[in-house]
Each structure stands twice: as C-alpha cells, then as structure tokens.
Amino acid sequence: GDYGCTFTYSAQGGTNEQWQMTVGVSEDNGLFSCSIWRPQGKSYLFFTQFKAEVKGAKIEYAMAYSQAAAGALSDIPLKQEEFGITETTVSHREGKFRFELSKLMIVAKTPRDEL
C-alpha cells in the first residue's frame, strides 16, 4: 500500500543464510511494522553496514539485535551507541557498530488524516 520498508546492507561470509522480512499494518492503519531477522538465531555474516528505511510512516520504536531468539536463546540487543534512529531510518554507526546483526525491528506511526 502506502507504506514500505527497505533493508540495505553490506556483509561478508555466512554462505546460504536464510533471512526473513515481514511487514504489517495495524487494524486501524495507525501503525506500520517491519522486521528483518534470521530465524535460526545468530547470524554469521560480518556486517560492515546496514540501513533499514521506512516509507510513508515515522519511526516510533526501533531495536537492533546481535542475536535473535532461537530455541533456549533470547534476543541480545545491540548497544545503543552501535546504531542510530531517525524519523525514517535505522542504521549502523560508523566506528561503533561491532559487525553483528541478527534481527531488526521497527514500529512506525502512519500519518493520520485530520477531519
């Protein structure tokens, strides 16, 4: 529809890793969500950079994880200094990002039509 999510990255290694991306809109069209993750948990890719960008909405909440939950393991968030969040993007911070990414979640607020 009116919303989109783009994930761009540069990485090395991790032959044939399976990744998933889901996008969704809340029932009242008030929130748009975008998630990118590796269902198997930890990724073995060496990420040099990443950026997720939403179209048609403004980011309310975002979180990046070095490890995604799988089996008995739980999500391990990146440190706050490793990534930055703007109104429309979530991206690595040059010199701070430690090259590990396994999950990225974004919740964005959609513009409301005023009556």
PDB file of N, CA and C in Angstrom:
ATOM      1  N   GLY A   1       0.811  -1.197   0.000  1.00  0.00           N
ATOM      2  CA  GLY A   1       0.000   0.000   0.000  1.00  0.00           C
ATOM      3  C   GLY A   1       0.851   1.256   0.000  1.00  0.00           C
ATOM      4  N   ASP A   2       0.546   2.160   0.931  1.00  0.00           N
ATOM      5  CA  ASP A   2       1.243   3.438   1.021  1.00  0.00           C
ATOM      6  C   ASP A   2       2.533   3.344   1.814  1.00  0.00           C
ATOM      7  N   TYR A   3       2.821   2.172   2.391  1.00  0.00           N
ATOM      8  CA  TYR A   3       3.972   2.033   3.269  1.00  0.00           C
ATOM      9  C   TYR A   3       4.965   1.043   2.694  1.00  0.00           C
ATOM     10  N   GLY A   4       6.241   1.259   3.049  1.00  0.00           N
ATOM     11  CA  GLY A   4       7.268   0.348   2.574  1.00  0.00           C
ATOM     12  C   GLY A   4       8.424   0.276   3.540  1.00  0.00           C
ATOM     13  N   CYS A   5       9.231  -0.757   3.361  1.00  0.00           N
ATOM     14  CA  CYS A   5      10.407  -0.958   4.194  1.00  0.00           C
ATOM     15  C   CYS A   5      11.515  -1.488   3.290  1.00  0.00           C
ATOM     16  N   THR A   6      12.671  -0.844   3.319  1.00  0.00           N
ATOM     17  CA  THR A   6      13.806  -1.257   2.510  1.00  0.00           C
ATOM     18  C   THR A   6      14.975  -1.553   3.435  1.00  0.00           C
ATOM     19  N   PHE A   7      15.636  -2.683   3.213  1.00  0.00           N
ATOM     20  CA  PHE A   7      16.798  -3.052   4.015  1.00  0.00           C
ATOM     21  C   PHE A   7      17.996  -3.162   3.087  1.00  0.00           C
ATOM     22  N   THR A   8      19.006  -2.334   3.321  1.00  0.00           N
ATOM     23  CA  THR A   8      20.233  -2.411   2.532  1.00  0.00           C
ATOM     24  C   THR A   8      21.389  -2.682   3.483  1.00  0.00           C
ATOM     25  N   TYR A   9      22.346  -3.449   3.013  1.00  0.00           N
ATOM     26  CA  TYR A   9      23.458  -3.831   3.875  1.00  0.00           C
ATOM     27  C   TYR A   9      24.669  -4.216   3.051  1.00  0.00           C
ATOM     28  N   SER A  10      25.778  -4.334   3.725  1.00  0.00           N
ATOM     29  CA  SER A  10      27.000  -4.840   3.130  1.00  0.00           C
ATOM     30  C   SER A  10      27.578  -5.805   4.158  1.00  0.00           C
ATOM     31  N   ALA A  11      27.886  -7.018   3.716  1.00  0.00           N
ATOM     32  CA  ALA A  11      28.354  -8.046   4.651  1.00  0.00           C
ATOM     33  C   ALA A  11      29.273  -9.039   3.936  1.00  0.00           C
ATOM     34  N   GLN A  12      30.006  -9.783   4.751  1.00  0.00           N
ATOM     35  CA  GLN A  12      30.885 -10.837   4.229  1.00  0.00           C
ATOM     36  C   GLN A  12      30.575 -12.134   4.965  1.00  0.00           C
ATOM     37  N   GLY A  13      30.791 -13.278   4.284  1.00  0.00           N
ATOM     38  CA  GLY A  13      30.626 -14.592   4.909  1.00  0.00           C
ATOM     39  C   GLY A  13      29.184 -15.049   4.946  1.00  0.00           C
ATOM     40  N   GLY A  14      28.898 -16.034   5.835  1.00  0.00           N
ATOM     41  CA  GLY A  14      27.532 -16.511   6.049  1.00  0.00           C
ATOM     42  C   GLY A  14      26.881 -17.158   4.847  1.00  0.00           C
ATOM     43  N   THR A  15      27.579 -18.036   4.169  1.00  0.00           N
ATOM     44  CA  THR A  15      27.065 -18.704   2.974  1.00  0.00           C
ATOM     45  C   THR A  15      25.683 -19.314   3.190  1.00  0.00           C
ATOM     46  N   ASN A  16      24.774 -18.996   2.293  1.00  0.00           N
ATOM     47  CA  ASN A  16      23.414 -19.568   2.273  1.00  0.00           C
ATOM     48  C   ASN A  16      22.593 -19.351   3.536  1.00  0.00           C
ATOM     49  N   GLU A  17      22.828 -18.276   4.263  1.00  0.00           N
ATOM     50  CA  GLU A  17      21.993 -17.994   5.430  1.00  0.00           C
ATOM     51  C   GLU A  17      20.580 -17.651   4.988  1.00  0.00           C
ATOM     52  N   GLN A  18      19.613 -18.151   5.741  1.00  0.00           N
ATOM     53  CA  GLN A  18      18.210 -17.856   5.479  1.00  0.00           C
ATOM     54  C   GLN A  18      17.773 -16.680   6.349  1.00  0.00           C
ATOM     55  N   TRP A  19      17.191 -15.663   5.737  1.00  0.00           N
ATOM     56  CA  TRP A  19      16.685 -14.494   6.450  1.00  0.00           C
ATOM     57  C   TRP A  19      15.227 -14.303   6.089  1.00  0.00           C
ATOM     58  N   GLN A  20      14.470 -13.635   6.970  1.00  0.00           N
ATOM     59  CA  GLN A  20      13.069 -13.332   6.687  1.00  0.00           C
ATOM     60  C   GLN A  20      12.797 -11.853   6.915  1.00  0.00           C
ATOM     61  N   MET A  21      11.801 -11.356   6.182  1.00  0.00           N
ATOM     62  CA  MET A  21      11.366  -9.983   6.376  1.00  0.00           C
ATOM     63  C   MET A  21       9.845  -9.998   6.404  1.00  0.00           C
ATOM     64  N   THR A  22       9.266  -9.335   7.402  1.00  0.00           N
ATOM     65  CA  THR A  22       7.813  -9.218   7.439  1.00  0.00           C
ATOM     66  C   THR A  22       7.448  -7.748   7.603  1.00  0.00           C
ATOM     67  N   VAL A  23       6.378  -7.379   6.952  1.00  0.00           N
ATOM     68  CA  VAL A  23       5.841  -6.027   7.102  1.00  0.00           C
ATOM     69  C   VAL A  23       4.362  -6.165   7.427  1.00  0.00           C
ATOM     70  N   GLY A  24       3.835  -5.229   8.184  1.00  0.00           N
ATOM     71  CA  GLY A  24       2.423  -5.305   8.543  1.00  0.00           C
ATOM     72  C   GLY A  24       1.882  -3.944   8.927  1.00  0.00           C
ATOM     73  N   VAL A  25       0.571  -3.838   8.860  1.00  0.00           N
ATOM     74  CA  VAL A  25      -0.108  -2.606   9.241  1.00  0.00           C
ATOM     75  C   VAL A  25      -1.163  -2.988  10.281  1.00  0.00           C
ATOM     76  N   SER A  26      -1.294  -2.190  11.347  1.00  0.00           N
ATOM     77  CA  SER A  26      -2.286  -2.476  12.380  1.00  0.00           C
ATOM     78  C   SER A  26      -3.693  -2.361  11.799  1.00  0.00           C
ATOM     79  N   GLU A  27      -4.652  -2.968  12.497  1.00  0.00           N
ATOM     80  CA  GLU A  27      -6.041  -2.984  12.029  1.00  0.00           C
ATOM     81  C   GLU A  27      -6.591  -1.592  11.756  1.00  0.00           C
ATOM     82  N   ASP A  28      -6.212  -0.624  12.591  1.00  0.00           N
ATOM     83  CA  ASP A  28      -6.713   0.741  12.398  1.00  0.00           C
ATOM     84  C   ASP A  28      -5.825   1.581  11.475  1.00  0.00           C
ATOM     85  N   ASN A  29      -4.834   0.922  10.847  1.00  0.00           N
ATOM     86  CA  ASN A  29      -3.885   1.596   9.950  1.00  0.00           C
ATOM     87  C   ASN A  29      -3.026   2.643  10.653  1.00  0.00           C
ATOM     88  N   GLY A  30      -2.982   2.625  11.989  1.00  0.00           N
ATOM     89  CA  GLY A  30      -2.221   3.619  12.738  1.00  0.00           C
ATOM     90  C   GLY A  30      -0.745   3.307  12.862  1.00  0.00           C
ATOM     91  N   LEU A  31      -0.401   2.013  12.806  1.00  0.00           N
ATOM     92  CA  LEU A  31       0.992   1.606  12.950  1.00  0.00           C
ATOM     93  C   LEU A  31       1.425   0.707  11.803  1.00  0.00           C
ATOM     94  N   PHE A  32       2.676   0.863  11.411  1.00  0.00           N
ATOM     95  CA  PHE A  32       3.290   0.050  10.366  1.00  0.00           C
ATOM     96  C   PHE A  32       4.505  -0.613  10.994  1.00  0.00           C
ATOM     97  N   SER A  33       4.676  -1.897  10.781  1.00  0.00           N
ATOM     98  CA  SER A  33       5.839  -2.569  11.355  1.00  0.00           C
ATOM     99  C   SER A  33       6.649  -3.271  10.284  1.00  0.00           C
ATOM    100  N   CYS A  34       7.933  -3.359  10.563  1.00  0.00           N
ATOM    101  CA  CYS A  34       8.861  -4.005   9.646  1.00  0.00           C
ATOM    102  C   CYS A  34       9.881  -4.757  10.488  1.00  0.00           C
ATOM    103  N   SER A  35      10.055  -6.035  10.216  1.00  0.00           N
ATOM    104  CA  SER A  35      11.041  -6.839  10.940  1.00  0.00           C
ATOM    105  C   SER A  35      11.892  -7.621   9.950  1.00  0.00           C
ATOM    106  N   ILE A  36      13.185  -7.651  10.214  1.00  0.00           N
ATOM    107  CA  ILE A  36      14.134  -8.408   9.404  1.00  0.00           C
ATOM    108  C   ILE A  36      14.908  -9.257  10.401  1.00  0.00           C
ATOM    109  N   TRP A  37      14.985 -10.568  10.185  1.00  0.00           N
ATOM    110  CA  TRP A  37      15.686 -11.400  11.154  1.00  0.00           C
ATOM    111  C   TRP A  37      16.116 -12.727  10.562  1.00  0.00           C
ATOM    112  N   ARG A  38      16.997 -13.393  11.276  1.00  0.00           N
ATOM    113  CA  ARG A  38      17.452 -14.726  10.931  1.00  0.00           C
ATOM    114  C   ARG A  38      16.766 -15.687  11.887  1.00  0.00           C
ATOM    115  N   PRO A  39      15.812 -16.500  11.379  1.00  0.00           N
ATOM    116  CA  PRO A  39      15.034 -17.394  12.246  1.00  0.00           C
ATOM    117  C   PRO A  39      15.901 -18.376  13.045  1.00  0.00           C
ATOM    118  N   GLN A  40      17.068 -18.718  12.529  1.00  0.00           N
ATOM    119  CA  GLN A  40      17.944 -19.669  13.224  1.00  0.00           C
ATOM    120  C   GLN A  40      18.675 -19.028  14.408  1.00  0.00           C
ATOM    121  N   GLY A  41      18.439 -17.736  14.639  1.00  0.00           N
ATOM    122  CA  GLY A  41      19.083 -17.069  15.778  1.00  0.00           C
ATOM    123  C   GLY A  41      20.249 -16.212  15.346  1.00  0.00           C
ATOM    124  N   LYS A  42      21.451 -16.654  15.666  1.00  0.00           N
ATOM    125  CA  LYS A  42      22.640 -15.857  15.392  1.00  0.00           C
ATOM    126  C   LYS A  42      23.043 -15.920  13.927  1.00  0.00           C
ATOM    127  N   SER A  43      23.401 -14.781  13.378  1.00  0.00           N
ATOM    128  CA  SER A  43      23.919 -14.719  12.017  1.00  0.00           C
ATOM    129  C   SER A  43      25.437 -14.785  12.078  1.00  0.00           C
ATOM    130  N   TYR A  44      26.018 -15.428  11.074  1.00  0.00           N
ATOM    131  CA  TYR A  44      27.482 -15.498  10.991  1.00  0.00           C
ATOM    132  C   TYR A  44      28.004 -14.559   9.920  1.00  0.00           C
ATOM    133  N   LEU A  45      27.125 -13.700   9.418  1.00  0.00           N
ATOM    134  CA  LEU A  45      27.568 -12.671   8.483  1.00  0.00           C
ATOM    135  C   LEU A  45      28.376 -11.623   9.243  1.00  0.00           C
ATOM    136  N   PHE A  46      29.374 -11.085   8.597  1.00  0.00           N
ATOM    137  CA  PHE A  46      30.170  -9.984   9.148  1.00  0.00           C
ATOM    138  C   PHE A  46      29.637  -8.731   8.468  1.00  0.00           C
ATOM    139  N   PHE A  47      28.741  -8.029   9.154  1.00  0.00           N
ATOM    140  CA  PHE A  47      28.110  -6.838   8.580  1.00  0.00           C
ATOM    141  C   PHE A  47      29.052  -5.644   8.688  1.00  0.00           C
ATOM    142  N   THR A  48      29.317  -4.993   7.573  1.00  0.00           N
ATOM    143  CA  THR A  48      30.117  -3.773   7.631  1.00  0.00           C
ATOM    144  C   THR A  48      29.200  -2.560   7.736  1.00  0.00           C
ATOM    145  N   GLN A  49      27.967  -2.703   7.213  1.00  0.00           N
ATOM    146  CA  GLN A  49      26.979  -1.627   7.359  1.00  0.00           C
ATOM    147  C   GLN A  49      25.570  -2.165   7.146  1.00  0.00           C
ATOM    148  N   PHE A  50      24.586  -1.439   7.666  1.00  0.00           N
ATOM    149  CA  PHE A  50      23.185  -1.780   7.416  1.00  0.00           C
ATOM    150  C   PHE A  50      22.338  -0.526   7.550  1.00  0.00           C
ATOM    151  N   LYS A  51      21.216  -0.544   6.836  1.00  0.00           N
ATOM    152  CA  LYS A  51      20.252   0.545   6.955  1.00  0.00           C
ATOM    153  C   LYS A  51      18.874   0.014   6.587  1.00  0.00           C
ATOM    154  N   ALA A  52      17.908   0.297   7.443  1.00  0.00           N
ATOM    155  CA  ALA A  52      16.508  -0.024   7.151  1.00  0.00           C
ATOM    156  C   ALA A  52      15.785   1.305   7.052  1.00  0.00           C
ATOM    157  N   GLU A  53      14.983   1.435   6.012  1.00  0.00           N
ATOM    158  CA  GLU A  53      14.281   2.698   5.777  1.00  0.00           C
ATOM    159  C   GLU A  53      12.798   2.443   5.573  1.00  0.00           C
ATOM    160  N   VAL A  54      11.962   3.216   6.271  1.00  0.00           N
ATOM    161  CA  VAL A  54      10.513   3.089   6.093  1.00  0.00           C
ATOM    162  C   VAL A  54      10.008   4.234   5.227  1.00  0.00           C
ATOM    163  N   LYS A  55       8.980   3.930   4.449  1.00  0.00           N
ATOM    164  CA  LYS A  55       8.364   4.918   3.567  1.00  0.00           C
ATOM    165  C   LYS A  55       6.911   5.075   3.987  1.00  0.00           C
ATOM    166  N   GLY A  56       6.446   6.315   4.097  1.00  0.00           N
ATOM    167  CA  GLY A  56       5.036   6.576   4.393  1.00  0.00           C
ATOM    168  C   GLY A  56       4.682   6.591   5.865  1.00  0.00           C
ATOM    169  N   ALA A  57       5.689   6.494   6.748  1.00  0.00           N
ATOM    170  CA  ALA A  57       5.435   6.491   8.188  1.00  0.00           C
ATOM    171  C   ALA A  57       6.679   7.008   8.918  1.00  0.00           C
ATOM    172  N   LYS A  58       6.495   7.390  10.191  1.00  0.00           N
ATOM    173  CA  LYS A  58       7.609   7.878  11.008  1.00  0.00           C
ATOM    174  C   LYS A  58       7.900   6.888  12.124  1.00  0.00           C
ATOM    175  N   ILE A  59       9.167   6.560  12.313  1.00  0.00           N
ATOM    176  CA  ILE A  59       9.561   5.564  13.305  1.00  0.00           C
ATOM    177  C   ILE A  59       9.240   6.026  14.729  1.00  0.00           C
ATOM    178  N   GLU A  60       8.527   5.169  15.439  1.00  0.00           N
ATOM    179  CA  GLU A  60       8.190   5.384  16.846  1.00  0.00           C
ATOM    180  C   GLU A  60       9.156   4.610  17.739  1.00  0.00           C
ATOM    181  N   TYR A  61       9.495   3.395  17.302  1.00  0.00           N
ATOM    182  CA  TYR A  61      10.333   2.497  18.087  1.00  0.00           C
ATOM    183  C   TYR A  61      11.157   1.654  17.128  1.00  0.00           C
ATOM    184  N   ALA A  62      12.409   1.420  17.475  1.00  0.00           N
ATOM    185  CA  ALA A  62      13.245   0.524  16.681  1.00  0.00           C
ATOM    186  C   ALA A  62      14.278  -0.116  17.590  1.00  0.00           C
ATOM    187  N   MET A  63      14.643  -1.347  17.278  1.00  0.00           N
ATOM    188  CA  MET A  63      15.672  -2.032  18.043  1.00  0.00           C
ATOM    189  C   MET A  63      16.426  -2.980  17.133  1.00  0.00           C
ATOM    190  N   ALA A  64      17.739  -3.036  17.319  1.00  0.00           N
ATOM    191  CA  ALA A  64      18.586  -3.945  16.557  1.00  0.00           C
ATOM    192  C   ALA A  64      19.212  -4.932  17.538  1.00  0.00           C
ATOM    193  N   TYR A  65      19.400  -6.157  17.075  1.00  0.00           N
ATOM    194  CA  TYR A  65      19.906  -7.219  17.943  1.00  0.00           C
ATOM    195  C   TYR A  65      21.088  -7.930  17.292  1.00  0.00           C
ATOM    196  N   SER A  66      22.075  -8.298  18.120  1.00  0.00           N
ATOM    197  CA  SER A  66      23.211  -9.065  17.599  1.00  0.00           C
ATOM    198  C   SER A  66      22.830 -10.539  17.497  1.00  0.00           C
ATOM    199  N   GLN A  67      21.874 -10.969  18.319  1.00  0.00           N
ATOM    200  CA  GLN A  67      21.385 -12.343  18.263  1.00  0.00           C
ATOM    201  C   GLN A  67      19.869 -12.351  18.361  1.00  0.00           C
ATOM    202  N   ALA A  68      19.228 -13.112  17.480  1.00  0.00           N
ATOM    203  CA  ALA A  68      17.774 -13.255  17.508  1.00  0.00           C
ATOM    204  C   ALA A  68      17.423 -14.485  18.344  1.00  0.00           C
ATOM    205  N   ALA A  69      16.272 -14.460  18.984  1.00  0.00           N
ATOM    206  CA  ALA A  69      15.826 -15.587  19.806  1.00  0.00           C
ATOM    207  C   ALA A  69      15.662 -16.837  18.947  1.00  0.00           C
ATOM    208  N   ALA A  70      16.173 -17.947  19.469  1.00  0.00           N
ATOM    209  CA  ALA A  70      16.025 -19.251  18.806  1.00  0.00           C
ATOM    210  C   ALA A  70      16.231 -20.319  19.863  1.00  0.00           C
ATOM    211  N   GLY A  71      15.326 -21.290  19.927  1.00  0.00           N
ATOM    212  CA  GLY A  71      15.442 -22.340  20.939  1.00  0.00           C
ATOM    213  C   GLY A  71      15.437 -21.723  22.331  1.00  0.00           C
ATOM    214  N   ALA A  72      16.459 -22.049  23.136  1.00  0.00           N
ATOM    215  CA  ALA A  72      16.551 -21.538  24.509  1.00  0.00           C
ATOM    216  C   ALA A  72      17.232 -20.170  24.564  1.00  0.00           C
ATOM    217  N   LEU A  73      17.760 -19.714  23.444  1.00  0.00           N
ATOM    218  CA  LEU A  73      18.465 -18.430  23.413  1.00  0.00           C
ATOM    219  C   LEU A  73      17.486 -17.278  23.226  1.00  0.00           C
ATOM    220  N   SER A  74      17.793 -16.138  23.835  1.00  0.00           N
ATOM    221  CA  SER A  74      16.908 -14.987  23.685  1.00  0.00           C
ATOM    222  C   SER A  74      17.586 -13.890  22.874  1.00  0.00           C
ATOM    223  N   ASP A  75      16.795 -12.879  22.491  1.00  0.00           N
ATOM    224  CA  ASP A  75      17.324 -11.744  21.750  1.00  0.00           C
ATOM    225  C   ASP A  75      18.409 -11.049  22.576  1.00  0.00           C
ATOM    226  N   ILE A  76      19.485 -10.654  21.909  1.00  0.00           N
ATOM    227  CA  ILE A  76      20.521  -9.855  22.569  1.00  0.00           C
ATOM    228  C   ILE A  76      20.608  -8.536  21.810  1.00  0.00           C
ATOM    229  N   PRO A  77      20.186  -7.424  22.450  1.00  0.00           N
ATOM    230  CA  PRO A  77      20.183  -6.141  21.743  1.00  0.00           C
ATOM    231  C   PRO A  77      21.589  -5.592  21.517  1.00  0.00           C
ATOM    232  N   LEU A  78      21.730  -4.827  20.431  1.00  0.00           N
ATOM    233  CA  LEU A  78      22.972  -4.093  20.215  1.00  0.00           C
ATOM    234  C   LEU A  78      23.040  -3.005  21.285  1.00  0.00           C
ATOM    235  N   LYS A  79      24.238  -2.528  21.552  1.00  0.00           N
ATOM    236  CA  LYS A  79      24.373  -1.390  22.463  1.00  0.00           C
ATOM    237  C   LYS A  79      23.852  -0.154  21.745  1.00  0.00           C
ATOM    238  N   GLN A  80      23.273   0.792  22.484  1.00  0.00           N
ATOM    239  CA  GLN A  80      22.667   1.991  21.895  1.00  0.00           C
ATOM    240  C   GLN A  80      23.624   2.761  20.989  1.00  0.00           C
ATOM    241  N   GLU A  81      24.924   2.754  21.346  1.00  0.00           N
ATOM    242  CA  GLU A  81      25.866   3.534  20.521  1.00  0.00           C
ATOM    243  C   GLU A  81      26.184   2.879  19.179  1.00  0.00           C
ATOM    244  N   GLU A  82      25.784   1.604  18.994  1.00  0.00           N
ATOM    245  CA  GLU A  82      26.115   0.891  17.763  1.00  0.00           C
ATOM    246  C   GLU A  82      25.232   1.255  16.570  1.00  0.00           C
ATOM    247  N   PHE A  83      24.046   1.834  16.848  1.00  0.00           N
ATOM    248  CA  PHE A  83      23.141   2.164  15.746  1.00  0.00           C
ATOM    249  C   PHE A  83      22.392   3.457  16.046  1.00  0.00           C
ATOM    250  N   GLY A  84      21.895   4.090  14.986  1.00  0.00           N
ATOM    251  CA  GLY A  84      21.173   5.338  15.133  1.00  0.00           C
ATOM    252  C   GLY A  84      19.781   5.232  14.538  1.00  0.00           C
ATOM    253  N   ILE A  85      18.868   6.043  15.069  1.00  0.00           N
ATOM    254  CA  ILE A  85      17.476   6.039  14.608  1.00  0.00           C
ATOM    255  C   ILE A  85      17.087   7.473  14.250  1.00  0.00           C
ATOM    256  N   THR A  86      16.514   7.653  13.056  1.00  0.00           N
ATOM    257  CA  THR A  86      15.952   8.945  12.670  1.00  0.00           C
ATOM    258  C   THR A  86      14.446   8.748  12.493  1.00  0.00           C
ATOM    259  N   GLU A  87      13.755   9.731  11.928  1.00  0.00           N
ATOM    260  CA  GLU A  87      12.305   9.582  11.706  1.00  0.00           C
ATOM    261  C   GLU A  87      11.985   8.446  10.742  1.00  0.00           C
ATOM    262  N   THR A  88      12.902   8.172   9.803  1.00  0.00           N
ATOM    263  CA  THR A  88      12.592   7.167   8.780  1.00  0.00           C
ATOM    264  C   THR A  88      13.639   6.071   8.614  1.00  0.00           C
ATOM    265  N   THR A  89      14.771   6.136   9.326  1.00  0.00           N
ATOM    266  CA  THR A  89      15.806   5.115   9.141  1.00  0.00           C
ATOM    267  C   THR A  89      16.383   4.593  10.455  1.00  0.00           C
ATOM    268  N   VAL A  90      16.892   3.373  10.365  1.00  0.00           N
ATOM    269  CA  VAL A  90      17.683   2.767  11.442  1.00  0.00           C
ATOM    270  C   VAL A  90      18.947   2.288  10.752  1.00  0.00           C
ATOM    271  N   SER A  91      20.116   2.728  11.241  1.00  0.00           N
ATOM    272  CA  SER A  91      21.354   2.335  10.564  1.00  0.00           C
ATOM    273  C   SER A  91      22.519   2.196  11.534  1.00  0.00           C
ATOM    274  N   HIS A  92      23.558   1.504  11.062  1.00  0.00           N
ATOM    275  CA  HIS A  92      24.759   1.306  11.872  1.00  0.00           C
ATOM    276  C   HIS A  92      25.432   2.653  12.123  1.00  0.00           C
ATOM    277  N   ARG A  93      26.233   2.726  13.173  1.00  0.00           N
ATOM    278  CA  ARG A  93      27.040   3.924  13.446  1.00  0.00           C
ATOM    279  C   ARG A  93      28.487   3.588  13.134  1.00  0.00           C
ATOM    280  N   GLU A  94      29.026   4.287  12.174  1.00  0.00           N
ATOM    281  CA  GLU A  94      30.416   4.090  11.751  1.00  0.00           C
ATOM    282  C   GLU A  94      31.360   4.164  12.945  1.00  0.00           C
ATOM    283  N   GLY A  95      32.234   3.154  13.081  1.00  0.00           N
ATOM    284  CA  GLY A  95      33.218   3.155  14.157  1.00  0.00           C
ATOM    285  C   GLY A  95      32.698   2.613  15.484  1.00  0.00           C
ATOM    286  N   LYS A  96      31.379   2.476  15.634  1.00  0.00           N
ATOM    287  CA  LYS A  96      30.794   1.977  16.885  1.00  0.00           C
ATOM    288  C   LYS A  96      30.159   0.599  16.708  1.00  0.00           C
ATOM    289  N   PHE A  97      29.600   0.350  15.517  1.00  0.00           N
ATOM    290  CA  PHE A  97      28.915  -0.902  15.219  1.00  0.00           C
ATOM    291  C   PHE A  97      29.920  -2.054  15.224  1.00  0.00           C
ATOM    292  N   ARG A  98      29.592  -3.137  15.931  1.00  0.00           N
ATOM    293  CA  ARG A  98      30.527  -4.257  16.100  1.00  0.00           C
ATOM    294  C   ARG A  98      30.303  -5.401  15.099  1.00  0.00           C
ATOM    295  N   PHE A  99      29.702  -5.115  13.968  1.00  0.00           N
ATOM    296  CA  PHE A  99      29.606  -6.046  12.830  1.00  0.00           C
ATOM    297  C   PHE A  99      28.654  -7.217  13.005  1.00  0.00           C
ATOM    298  N   GLU A 100      27.889  -7.252  14.102  1.00  0.00           N
ATOM    299  CA  GLU A 100      26.951  -8.353  14.319  1.00  0.00           C
ATOM    300  C   GLU A 100      25.516  -7.848  14.252  1.00  0.00           C
ATOM    301  N   LEU A 101      24.713  -8.522  13.435  1.00  0.00           N
ATOM    302  CA  LEU A 101      23.293  -8.197  13.336  1.00  0.00           C
ATOM    303  C   LEU A 101      22.538  -9.477  13.031  1.00  0.00           C
ATOM    304  N   SER A 102      21.480  -9.743  13.783  1.00  0.00           N
ATOM    305  CA  SER A 102      20.654 -10.923  13.523  1.00  0.00           C
ATOM    306  C   SER A 102      19.179 -10.601  13.462  1.00  0.00           C
ATOM    307  N   LYS A 103      18.820  -9.374  13.922  1.00  0.00           N
ATOM    308  CA  LYS A 103      17.401  -9.009  13.934  1.00  0.00           C
ATOM    309  C   LYS A 103      17.262  -7.493  14.014  1.00  0.00           C
ATOM    310  N   LEU A 104      16.266  -6.987  13.320  1.00  0.00           N
ATOM    311  CA  LEU A 104      15.978  -5.563  13.329  1.00  0.00           C
ATOM    312  C   LEU A 104      14.464  -5.410  13.354  1.00  0.00           C
ATOM    313  N   MET A 105      13.951  -4.641  14.310  1.00  0.00           N
ATOM    314  CA  MET A 105      12.504  -4.422  14.426  1.00  0.00           C
ATOM    315  C   MET A 105      12.207  -2.933  14.378  1.00  0.00           C
ATOM    316  N   ILE A 106      11.186  -2.587  13.612  1.00  0.00           N
ATOM    317  CA  ILE A 106      10.783  -1.182  13.509  1.00  0.00           C
ATOM    318  C   ILE A 106       9.268  -1.094  13.651  1.00  0.00           C
ATOM    319  N   VAL A 107       8.809  -0.141  14.458  1.00  0.00           N
ATOM    320  CA  VAL A 107       7.385   0.185  14.526  1.00  0.00           C
ATOM    321  C   VAL A 107       7.278   1.663  14.186  1.00  0.00           C
ATOM    322  N   ALA A 108       6.467   1.979  13.198  1.00  0.00           N
ATOM    323  CA  ALA A 108       6.339   3.365  12.751  1.00  0.00           C
ATOM    324  C   ALA A 108       4.869   3.796  12.790  1.00  0.00           C
ATOM    325  N   LYS A 109       4.675   5.079  13.055  1.00  0.00           N
ATOM    326  CA  LYS A 109       3.327   5.655  13.106  1.00  0.00           C
ATOM    327  C   LYS A 109       2.979   6.188  11.719  1.00  0.00           C
ATOM    328  N   THR A 110       1.790   5.843  11.265  1.00  0.00           N
ATOM    329  CA  THR A 110       1.357   6.298   9.944  1.00  0.00           C
ATOM    330  C   THR A 110       0.686   7.670  10.086  1.00  0.00           C
ATOM    331  N   PRO A 111       0.783   8.506   9.041  1.00  0.00           N
ATOM    332  CA  PRO A 111       0.152   9.815   9.140  1.00  0.00           C
ATOM    333  C   PRO A 111      -1.369   9.690   9.231  1.00  0.00           C
ATOM    334  N   ARG A 112      -1.966  10.504  10.074  1.00  0.00           N
ATOM    335  CA  ARG A 112      -3.423  10.474  10.247  1.00  0.00           C
ATOM    336  C   ARG A 112      -4.056  11.571   9.389  1.00  0.00           C
ATOM    337  N   ASP A 113      -5.136  11.251   8.754  1.00  0.00           N
ATOM    338  CA  ASP A 113      -5.889  12.275   8.028  1.00  0.00           C
ATOM    339  C   ASP A 113      -6.762  13.008   9.038  1.00  0.00           C
ATOM    340  N   GLU A 114      -6.558  14.295   9.175  1.00  0.00           N
ATOM    341  CA  GLU A 114      -7.367  15.081  10.098  1.00  0.00           C
ATOM    342  C   GLU A 114      -8.713  15.389   9.456  1.00  0.00           C
ATOM    343  N   LEU A 115      -9.763  15.336  10.247  1.00  0.00           N
ATOM    344  CA  LEU A 115     -11.106  15.617   9.725  1.00  0.00           C
ATOM    345  C   LEU A 115     -11.385  17.111   9.726  1.00  0.00           C
TER     346      LEU A 115
END
